[in-house]
N, C-alpha and C. Protein backbone atom coordinates (compact mmCIF):
# COMPACT_ATOMS: atom_id res chain seq x y z
N MET A 1 1.63 -68.31 -165.32
CA MET A 1 0.67 -68.77 -164.33
C MET A 1 -0.64 -69.06 -165.05
N THR A 2 -1.26 -70.17 -164.74
CA THR A 2 -2.55 -70.48 -165.33
C THR A 2 -3.65 -69.77 -164.54
N PRO A 3 -4.69 -69.34 -165.24
CA PRO A 3 -5.78 -68.65 -164.53
C PRO A 3 -6.44 -69.56 -163.51
N SER A 4 -6.74 -69.02 -162.37
CA SER A 4 -7.40 -69.76 -161.31
C SER A 4 -8.88 -69.41 -161.31
N ASP A 5 -9.70 -70.37 -160.91
CA ASP A 5 -11.13 -70.10 -160.81
C ASP A 5 -11.47 -69.33 -159.54
N TYR A 6 -10.52 -69.27 -158.62
CA TYR A 6 -10.76 -68.61 -157.34
C TYR A 6 -9.68 -67.58 -157.05
N GLU A 7 -10.04 -66.66 -156.16
CA GLU A 7 -9.07 -65.69 -155.67
C GLU A 7 -9.33 -65.46 -154.19
N VAL A 8 -8.27 -65.17 -153.48
CA VAL A 8 -8.40 -64.76 -152.08
C VAL A 8 -8.28 -63.25 -152.09
N ARG A 9 -9.25 -62.59 -151.44
CA ARG A 9 -9.35 -61.14 -151.53
C ARG A 9 -9.28 -60.53 -150.13
N PHE A 10 -8.40 -59.54 -149.99
CA PHE A 10 -8.25 -58.78 -148.76
C PHE A 10 -8.83 -57.39 -149.01
N GLN A 11 -9.99 -57.10 -148.44
CA GLN A 11 -10.67 -55.82 -148.63
C GLN A 11 -10.11 -54.80 -147.63
N SER A 12 -9.86 -53.59 -148.09
CA SER A 12 -9.36 -52.52 -147.22
C SER A 12 -10.39 -52.18 -146.15
N LEU A 13 -9.92 -51.92 -144.96
CA LEU A 13 -10.81 -51.49 -143.88
C LEU A 13 -11.21 -50.03 -144.01
N PHE A 14 -10.40 -49.24 -144.72
CA PHE A 14 -10.59 -47.79 -144.73
C PHE A 14 -10.93 -47.19 -146.08
N GLU A 15 -10.65 -47.89 -147.16
CA GLU A 15 -10.90 -47.36 -148.49
C GLU A 15 -11.86 -48.28 -149.25
N PRO A 16 -13.15 -47.94 -149.27
CA PRO A 16 -14.12 -48.77 -149.98
C PRO A 16 -13.69 -49.00 -151.43
N GLY A 17 -13.82 -50.23 -151.86
CA GLY A 17 -13.45 -50.57 -153.23
C GLY A 17 -12.00 -50.94 -153.41
N ARG A 18 -11.16 -50.67 -152.42
CA ARG A 18 -9.74 -51.02 -152.52
C ARG A 18 -9.54 -52.39 -151.90
N ALA A 19 -8.83 -53.24 -152.63
CA ALA A 19 -8.56 -54.59 -152.13
C ALA A 19 -7.33 -55.14 -152.83
N LEU A 20 -6.75 -56.15 -152.22
CA LEU A 20 -5.69 -56.92 -152.85
C LEU A 20 -6.22 -58.33 -153.04
N SER A 21 -6.03 -58.89 -154.23
CA SER A 21 -6.51 -60.24 -154.49
C SER A 21 -5.42 -61.06 -155.17
N PHE A 22 -5.47 -62.37 -154.92
CA PHE A 22 -4.43 -63.28 -155.39
C PHE A 22 -5.08 -64.59 -155.81
N PRO A 23 -4.56 -65.22 -156.87
CA PRO A 23 -5.11 -66.50 -157.31
C PRO A 23 -4.92 -67.57 -156.23
N CYS A 24 -5.93 -68.43 -156.09
CA CYS A 24 -5.86 -69.49 -155.08
C CYS A 24 -6.73 -70.66 -155.52
N ASP A 25 -6.73 -71.73 -154.72
CA ASP A 25 -7.63 -72.84 -154.98
C ASP A 25 -8.93 -72.61 -154.21
N ALA A 26 -9.85 -73.56 -154.29
CA ALA A 26 -11.16 -73.40 -153.67
C ALA A 26 -11.10 -73.26 -152.15
N GLN A 27 -10.01 -73.75 -151.54
CA GLN A 27 -9.85 -73.66 -150.10
C GLN A 27 -9.11 -72.40 -149.67
N GLY A 28 -8.66 -71.60 -150.64
CA GLY A 28 -7.97 -70.36 -150.31
C GLY A 28 -6.46 -70.48 -150.23
N HIS A 29 -5.92 -71.62 -150.65
CA HIS A 29 -4.46 -71.81 -150.63
C HIS A 29 -3.82 -71.11 -151.82
N VAL A 30 -2.89 -70.22 -151.54
CA VAL A 30 -2.17 -69.48 -152.56
C VAL A 30 -0.85 -70.19 -152.83
N ASP A 31 -0.55 -70.45 -154.11
CA ASP A 31 0.72 -71.06 -154.50
C ASP A 31 1.77 -69.96 -154.54
N LEU A 32 2.53 -69.83 -153.47
CA LEU A 32 3.50 -68.74 -153.36
C LEU A 32 4.56 -68.79 -154.44
N ASP A 33 4.88 -69.98 -154.93
CA ASP A 33 5.89 -70.12 -155.99
C ASP A 33 5.43 -69.52 -157.31
N GLU A 34 4.13 -69.33 -157.46
CA GLU A 34 3.58 -68.78 -158.71
C GLU A 34 3.43 -67.26 -158.68
N LEU A 35 3.63 -66.65 -157.53
CA LEU A 35 3.48 -65.19 -157.43
C LEU A 35 4.74 -64.49 -157.92
N SER A 36 4.54 -63.34 -158.53
CA SER A 36 5.68 -62.49 -158.89
C SER A 36 6.25 -61.90 -157.60
N PRO A 37 7.46 -61.35 -157.64
CA PRO A 37 8.00 -60.73 -156.43
C PRO A 37 7.09 -59.64 -155.85
N LYS A 38 6.49 -58.82 -156.71
CA LYS A 38 5.59 -57.75 -156.23
C LYS A 38 4.32 -58.35 -155.63
N GLN A 39 3.76 -59.38 -156.27
CA GLN A 39 2.58 -60.03 -155.72
C GLN A 39 2.90 -60.64 -154.35
N MET A 40 4.07 -61.26 -154.24
CA MET A 40 4.48 -61.87 -152.97
C MET A 40 4.57 -60.80 -151.88
N GLU A 41 5.18 -59.68 -152.21
CA GLU A 41 5.29 -58.57 -151.26
C GLU A 41 3.91 -58.10 -150.82
N ASN A 42 3.00 -57.91 -151.77
CA ASN A 42 1.65 -57.46 -151.45
C ASN A 42 0.87 -58.49 -150.64
N TYR A 43 1.02 -59.77 -151.00
CA TYR A 43 0.33 -60.84 -150.29
C TYR A 43 0.78 -60.90 -148.83
N LEU A 44 2.08 -60.89 -148.62
CA LEU A 44 2.60 -60.94 -147.25
C LEU A 44 2.21 -59.70 -146.45
N PHE A 45 2.18 -58.54 -147.11
CA PHE A 45 1.75 -57.31 -146.45
C PHE A 45 0.28 -57.41 -146.03
N ALA A 46 -0.57 -57.86 -146.95
CA ALA A 46 -2.00 -57.98 -146.64
C ALA A 46 -2.22 -58.94 -145.47
N ARG A 47 -1.56 -60.08 -145.50
CA ARG A 47 -1.70 -61.05 -144.40
C ARG A 47 -1.24 -60.46 -143.07
N ALA A 48 -0.14 -59.72 -143.11
CA ALA A 48 0.42 -59.16 -141.87
C ALA A 48 -0.42 -58.02 -141.30
N THR A 49 -1.24 -57.40 -142.13
CA THR A 49 -2.00 -56.23 -141.66
C THR A 49 -3.50 -56.49 -141.57
N VAL A 50 -3.91 -57.77 -141.55
CA VAL A 50 -5.32 -58.10 -141.33
C VAL A 50 -5.72 -57.56 -139.96
N GLY A 51 -6.84 -56.87 -139.93
CA GLY A 51 -7.33 -56.27 -138.70
C GLY A 51 -6.81 -54.87 -138.45
N ARG A 52 -5.76 -54.50 -139.15
CA ARG A 52 -5.20 -53.15 -139.01
C ARG A 52 -5.47 -52.34 -140.27
N ASP A 53 -5.21 -52.93 -141.45
CA ASP A 53 -5.44 -52.25 -142.73
C ASP A 53 -6.45 -53.00 -143.61
N TYR A 54 -6.51 -54.31 -143.45
CA TYR A 54 -7.35 -55.15 -144.31
C TYR A 54 -8.25 -56.05 -143.49
N GLN A 55 -9.41 -56.39 -144.08
CA GLN A 55 -10.32 -57.35 -143.49
C GLN A 55 -9.72 -58.75 -143.64
N PRO A 56 -10.20 -59.71 -142.85
CA PRO A 56 -9.75 -61.09 -143.08
C PRO A 56 -10.05 -61.50 -144.52
N PRO A 57 -9.23 -62.37 -145.08
CA PRO A 57 -9.40 -62.73 -146.48
C PRO A 57 -10.68 -63.51 -146.74
N ALA A 58 -11.21 -63.31 -147.93
CA ALA A 58 -12.39 -64.04 -148.38
C ALA A 58 -12.06 -64.73 -149.70
N VAL A 59 -12.46 -65.99 -149.83
CA VAL A 59 -12.26 -66.73 -151.07
C VAL A 59 -13.51 -66.52 -151.92
N GLN A 60 -13.30 -66.19 -153.19
CA GLN A 60 -14.42 -65.98 -154.10
C GLN A 60 -14.04 -66.42 -155.50
N HIS A 61 -15.05 -66.58 -156.35
CA HIS A 61 -14.78 -66.90 -157.75
C HIS A 61 -14.07 -65.71 -158.39
N ALA A 62 -13.03 -66.02 -159.13
CA ALA A 62 -12.27 -64.96 -159.81
C ALA A 62 -13.04 -64.47 -161.02
N GLU A 63 -12.91 -63.18 -161.29
CA GLU A 63 -13.50 -62.60 -162.49
C GLU A 63 -12.42 -62.56 -163.55
N HIS A 64 -12.65 -63.26 -164.63
CA HIS A 64 -11.65 -63.30 -165.72
C HIS A 64 -12.07 -62.35 -166.82
């Protein structure tokens, strides 16, 4: 996978500093075909638990 300039980040609602982040484009689109199986599992989990475990996703510049 080539490094992305952006990431979509799901911040935990209950654990400060805990988040899941995934490479994306500037609009927040994640290329699911580029994710590893574990990343895919985490990404789908984060999306499914927005509002329950995670905040809505935020697109930001990735730290390399």
